[in-house]
Amino acid sequence: MGALNKLLATTRTSRNALFQYGMLSIQQNKIPDAQRFSLACSARRPAAPPPPILENAIRTGKVGSNDLSEARRLAQTDS
């Protein structure tokens, strides 16, 4: 969480950081924060929808270990 805070402090437009922050917000049961980060992901790339994993996790309100692994993989490949 600290690393994401530092990243967002330097660049508010990092889609990867916003996505990861959304996933962490869900883990901490902060669904409104996750929704805000999802919207910010959309604003970063209007033509690209928010990552489906994030949207699904917001709907269900929880993130499983497989979702976290997939989120990390996506964050490493998406810029």
N, C-alpha and C. Protein backbone atom coordinates (compact mmCIF):
# COMPACT_ATOMS: atom_id res chain seq x y z
N MET A 1 0.83 -1.18 0.00
CA MET A 1 0.00 0.00 0.00
C MET A 1 0.88 1.24 0.00
N GLY A 2 1.94 1.20 0.76
CA GLY A 2 2.85 2.34 0.80
C GLY A 2 3.48 2.63 -0.55
N ALA A 3 3.89 1.58 -1.24
CA ALA A 3 4.49 1.76 -2.57
C ALA A 3 3.48 2.37 -3.54
N LEU A 4 2.23 1.93 -3.47
CA LEU A 4 1.21 2.50 -4.35
C LEU A 4 0.96 3.96 -4.01
N ASN A 5 0.97 4.30 -2.72
CA ASN A 5 0.80 5.70 -2.34
C ASN A 5 1.90 6.57 -2.93
N LYS A 6 3.13 6.07 -2.87
CA LYS A 6 4.25 6.83 -3.44
C LYS A 6 4.09 6.98 -4.95
N LEU A 7 3.69 5.90 -5.61
CA LEU A 7 3.51 5.95 -7.06
C LEU A 7 2.40 6.92 -7.44
N LEU A 8 1.28 6.88 -6.73
CA LEU A 8 0.18 7.78 -7.04
C LEU A 8 0.53 9.23 -6.71
N ALA A 9 1.41 9.43 -5.73
CA ALA A 9 1.83 10.79 -5.40
C ALA A 9 2.66 11.39 -6.53
N THR A 10 3.40 10.54 -7.24
CA THR A 10 4.24 11.06 -8.31
C THR A 10 3.52 11.10 -9.64
N THR A 11 2.61 10.17 -9.88
CA THR A 11 1.88 10.14 -11.14
C THR A 11 0.47 9.64 -10.90
N ARG A 12 -0.48 10.53 -10.88
CA ARG A 12 -1.88 10.19 -10.61
C ARG A 12 -2.52 9.45 -11.78
N THR A 13 -1.81 9.30 -12.88
CA THR A 13 -2.45 8.72 -14.06
C THR A 13 -2.00 7.30 -14.35
N SER A 14 -1.30 6.66 -13.45
CA SER A 14 -0.85 5.29 -13.68
C SER A 14 -2.03 4.33 -13.58
N ARG A 15 -2.44 3.79 -14.71
CA ARG A 15 -3.57 2.85 -14.74
C ARG A 15 -3.27 1.62 -13.89
N ASN A 16 -2.03 1.14 -13.95
CA ASN A 16 -1.66 -0.04 -13.15
C ASN A 16 -1.79 0.24 -11.66
N ALA A 17 -1.30 1.39 -11.24
CA ALA A 17 -1.38 1.72 -9.81
C ALA A 17 -2.83 1.88 -9.38
N LEU A 18 -3.64 2.52 -10.21
CA LEU A 18 -5.06 2.68 -9.89
C LEU A 18 -5.75 1.33 -9.78
N PHE A 19 -5.42 0.43 -10.70
CA PHE A 19 -6.00 -0.91 -10.68
C PHE A 19 -5.60 -1.64 -9.39
N GLN A 20 -4.32 -1.62 -9.06
CA GLN A 20 -3.83 -2.30 -7.86
C GLN A 20 -4.46 -1.70 -6.61
N TYR A 21 -4.56 -0.38 -6.60
CA TYR A 21 -5.19 0.28 -5.45
C TYR A 21 -6.65 -0.15 -5.32
N GLY A 22 -7.34 -0.27 -6.44
CA GLY A 22 -8.72 -0.74 -6.41
C GLY A 22 -8.82 -2.14 -5.82
N MET A 23 -7.93 -3.01 -6.23
CA MET A 23 -7.93 -4.38 -5.72
C MET A 23 -7.63 -4.40 -4.22
N LEU A 24 -6.67 -3.59 -3.78
CA LEU A 24 -6.37 -3.54 -2.35
C LEU A 24 -7.53 -2.95 -1.56
N SER A 25 -8.20 -1.98 -2.15
CA SER A 25 -9.37 -1.39 -1.48
C SER A 25 -10.45 -2.45 -1.24
N ILE A 26 -10.63 -3.32 -2.20
CA ILE A 26 -11.61 -4.39 -2.03
C ILE A 26 -11.17 -5.33 -0.92
N GLN A 27 -9.89 -5.67 -0.90
CA GLN A 27 -9.37 -6.54 0.17
C GLN A 27 -9.63 -5.93 1.54
N GLN A 28 -9.59 -4.61 1.61
CA GLN A 28 -9.81 -3.92 2.89
C GLN A 28 -11.28 -3.57 3.09
N ASN A 29 -12.14 -4.11 2.23
CA ASN A 29 -13.59 -3.89 2.30
C ASN A 29 -13.95 -2.41 2.15
N LYS A 30 -13.22 -1.71 1.29
CA LYS A 30 -13.48 -0.29 1.00
C LYS A 30 -14.02 -0.20 -0.43
N ILE A 31 -15.22 -0.71 -0.62
CA ILE A 31 -15.82 -0.80 -1.95
C ILE A 31 -15.97 0.57 -2.61
N PRO A 32 -16.41 1.61 -1.89
CA PRO A 32 -16.50 2.93 -2.55
C PRO A 32 -15.15 3.42 -3.09
N ASP A 33 -14.08 3.14 -2.36
CA ASP A 33 -12.74 3.52 -2.85
C ASP A 33 -12.40 2.72 -4.11
N ALA A 34 -12.72 1.44 -4.10
CA ALA A 34 -12.45 0.60 -5.27
C ALA A 34 -13.21 1.12 -6.49
N GLN A 35 -14.45 1.55 -6.28
CA GLN A 35 -15.24 2.10 -7.39
C GLN A 35 -14.60 3.38 -7.92
N ARG A 36 -14.10 4.20 -7.02
CA ARG A 36 -13.43 5.44 -7.43
C ARG A 36 -12.18 5.14 -8.26
N PHE A 37 -11.41 4.14 -7.84
CA PHE A 37 -10.21 3.78 -8.60
C PHE A 37 -10.57 3.15 -9.94
N SER A 38 -11.66 2.41 -9.99
CA SER A 38 -12.12 1.84 -11.25
C SER A 38 -12.48 2.96 -12.23
N LEU A 39 -13.20 3.96 -11.74
CA LEU A 39 -13.53 5.11 -12.60
C LEU A 39 -12.28 5.84 -13.06
N ALA A 40 -11.31 5.94 -12.19
CA ALA A 40 -10.06 6.60 -12.56
C ALA A 40 -9.32 5.79 -13.63
N CYS A 41 -9.40 4.45 -13.56
CA CYS A 41 -8.81 3.61 -14.60
C CYS A 41 -9.46 3.91 -15.95
N SER A 42 -10.77 4.06 -15.93
CA SER A 42 -11.50 4.36 -17.17
C SER A 42 -11.10 5.72 -17.71
N ALA A 43 -10.92 6.68 -16.82
CA ALA A 43 -10.54 8.03 -17.25
C ALA A 43 -9.14 8.03 -17.85
N ARG A 44 -8.30 7.15 -17.36
CA ARG A 44 -6.91 7.07 -17.86
C ARG A 44 -6.90 6.64 -19.33
N ARG A 45 -7.74 5.68 -19.67
CA ARG A 45 -7.88 5.20 -21.06
C ARG A 45 -9.36 5.08 -21.36
N PRO A 46 -9.98 6.15 -21.82
CA PRO A 46 -11.43 6.13 -22.05
C PRO A 46 -11.89 5.02 -23.01
N ALA A 47 -11.06 4.66 -23.96
CA ALA A 47 -11.46 3.62 -24.91
C ALA A 47 -11.38 2.22 -24.31
N ALA A 48 -10.65 2.07 -23.22
CA ALA A 48 -10.48 0.76 -22.59
C ALA A 48 -11.32 0.70 -21.32
N PRO A 49 -12.18 -0.30 -21.20
CA PRO A 49 -12.98 -0.42 -19.97
C PRO A 49 -12.09 -0.77 -18.79
N PRO A 50 -12.60 -0.57 -17.57
CA PRO A 50 -11.82 -0.99 -16.40
C PRO A 50 -11.55 -2.49 -16.49
N PRO A 51 -10.48 -2.95 -15.90
CA PRO A 51 -10.18 -4.38 -15.93
C PRO A 51 -11.34 -5.20 -15.38
N PRO A 52 -11.75 -6.25 -16.10
CA PRO A 52 -12.89 -7.06 -15.65
C PRO A 52 -12.72 -7.63 -14.25
N ILE A 53 -11.52 -7.97 -13.89
CA ILE A 53 -11.29 -8.52 -12.55
C ILE A 53 -11.69 -7.51 -11.49
N LEU A 54 -11.33 -6.26 -11.71
CA LEU A 54 -11.67 -5.21 -10.75
C LEU A 54 -13.18 -5.02 -10.69
N GLU A 55 -13.81 -4.96 -11.83
CA GLU A 55 -15.26 -4.79 -11.88
C GLU A 55 -15.98 -5.96 -11.21
N ASN A 56 -15.53 -7.17 -11.47
CA ASN A 56 -16.14 -8.35 -10.84
C ASN A 56 -15.94 -8.35 -9.34
N ALA A 57 -14.75 -7.97 -8.92
CA ALA A 57 -14.45 -7.93 -7.49
C ALA A 57 -15.30 -6.87 -6.79
N ILE A 58 -15.53 -5.75 -7.44
CA ILE A 58 -16.39 -4.72 -6.86
C ILE A 58 -17.80 -5.26 -6.68
N ARG A 59 -18.28 -5.97 -7.69
CA ARG A 59 -19.64 -6.54 -7.62
C ARG A 59 -19.76 -7.57 -6.50
N THR A 60 -18.76 -8.40 -6.35
CA THR A 60 -18.84 -9.45 -5.33
C THR A 60 -18.34 -8.97 -3.97
N GLY A 61 -17.51 -7.93 -3.96
CA GLY A 61 -17.03 -7.37 -2.71
C GLY A 61 -15.89 -8.12 -2.07
N LYS A 62 -15.30 -9.03 -2.79
CA LYS A 62 -14.16 -9.75 -2.24
C LYS A 62 -13.23 -10.18 -3.36
N VAL A 63 -12.00 -10.44 -3.00
CA VAL A 63 -10.99 -10.84 -3.97
C VAL A 63 -10.38 -12.15 -3.50
N GLY A 64 -10.38 -13.13 -4.37
CA GLY A 64 -9.77 -14.41 -4.03
C GLY A 64 -8.29 -14.42 -4.38
N SER A 65 -7.59 -15.44 -3.95
CA SER A 65 -6.15 -15.51 -4.21
C SER A 65 -5.88 -15.62 -5.71
N ASN A 66 -6.74 -16.32 -6.46
CA ASN A 66 -6.55 -16.39 -7.92
C ASN A 66 -6.72 -15.03 -8.56
N ASP A 67 -7.68 -14.24 -8.05
CA ASP A 67 -7.88 -12.89 -8.57
C ASP A 67 -6.65 -12.03 -8.31
N LEU A 68 -6.07 -12.16 -7.13
CA LEU A 68 -4.89 -11.37 -6.81
C LEU A 68 -3.72 -11.74 -7.71
N SER A 69 -3.55 -13.02 -7.96
CA SER A 69 -2.47 -13.46 -8.85
C SER A 69 -2.68 -12.91 -10.25
N GLU A 70 -3.91 -12.96 -10.73
CA GLU A 70 -4.22 -12.43 -12.05
C GLU A 70 -4.02 -10.91 -12.09
N ALA A 71 -4.38 -10.23 -11.02
CA ALA A 71 -4.20 -8.78 -10.95
C ALA A 71 -2.72 -8.41 -11.02
N ARG A 72 -1.91 -9.16 -10.31
CA ARG A 72 -0.46 -8.90 -10.35
C ARG A 72 0.10 -9.14 -11.75
N ARG A 73 -0.37 -10.21 -12.38
CA ARG A 73 0.10 -10.52 -13.73
C ARG A 73 -0.29 -9.40 -14.70
N LEU A 74 -1.54 -8.95 -14.61
CA LEU A 74 -1.99 -7.87 -15.48
C LEU A 74 -1.24 -6.58 -15.23
N ALA A 75 -0.97 -6.30 -13.98
CA ALA A 75 -0.26 -5.07 -13.65
C ALA A 75 1.16 -5.07 -14.23
N GLN A 76 1.76 -6.24 -14.32
CA GLN A 76 3.11 -6.32 -14.87
C GLN A 76 3.12 -6.19 -16.39
N THR A 77 2.01 -6.54 -17.04
CA THR A 77 1.99 -6.51 -18.51
C THR A 77 1.33 -5.27 -19.07
N ASP A 78 0.47 -4.59 -18.30
CA ASP A 78 -0.25 -3.41 -18.79
C ASP A 78 0.48 -2.16 -18.38
N SER A 79 0.60 -1.23 -19.30
CA SER A 79 1.30 0.01 -18.94
C SER A 79 0.37 1.19 -18.95
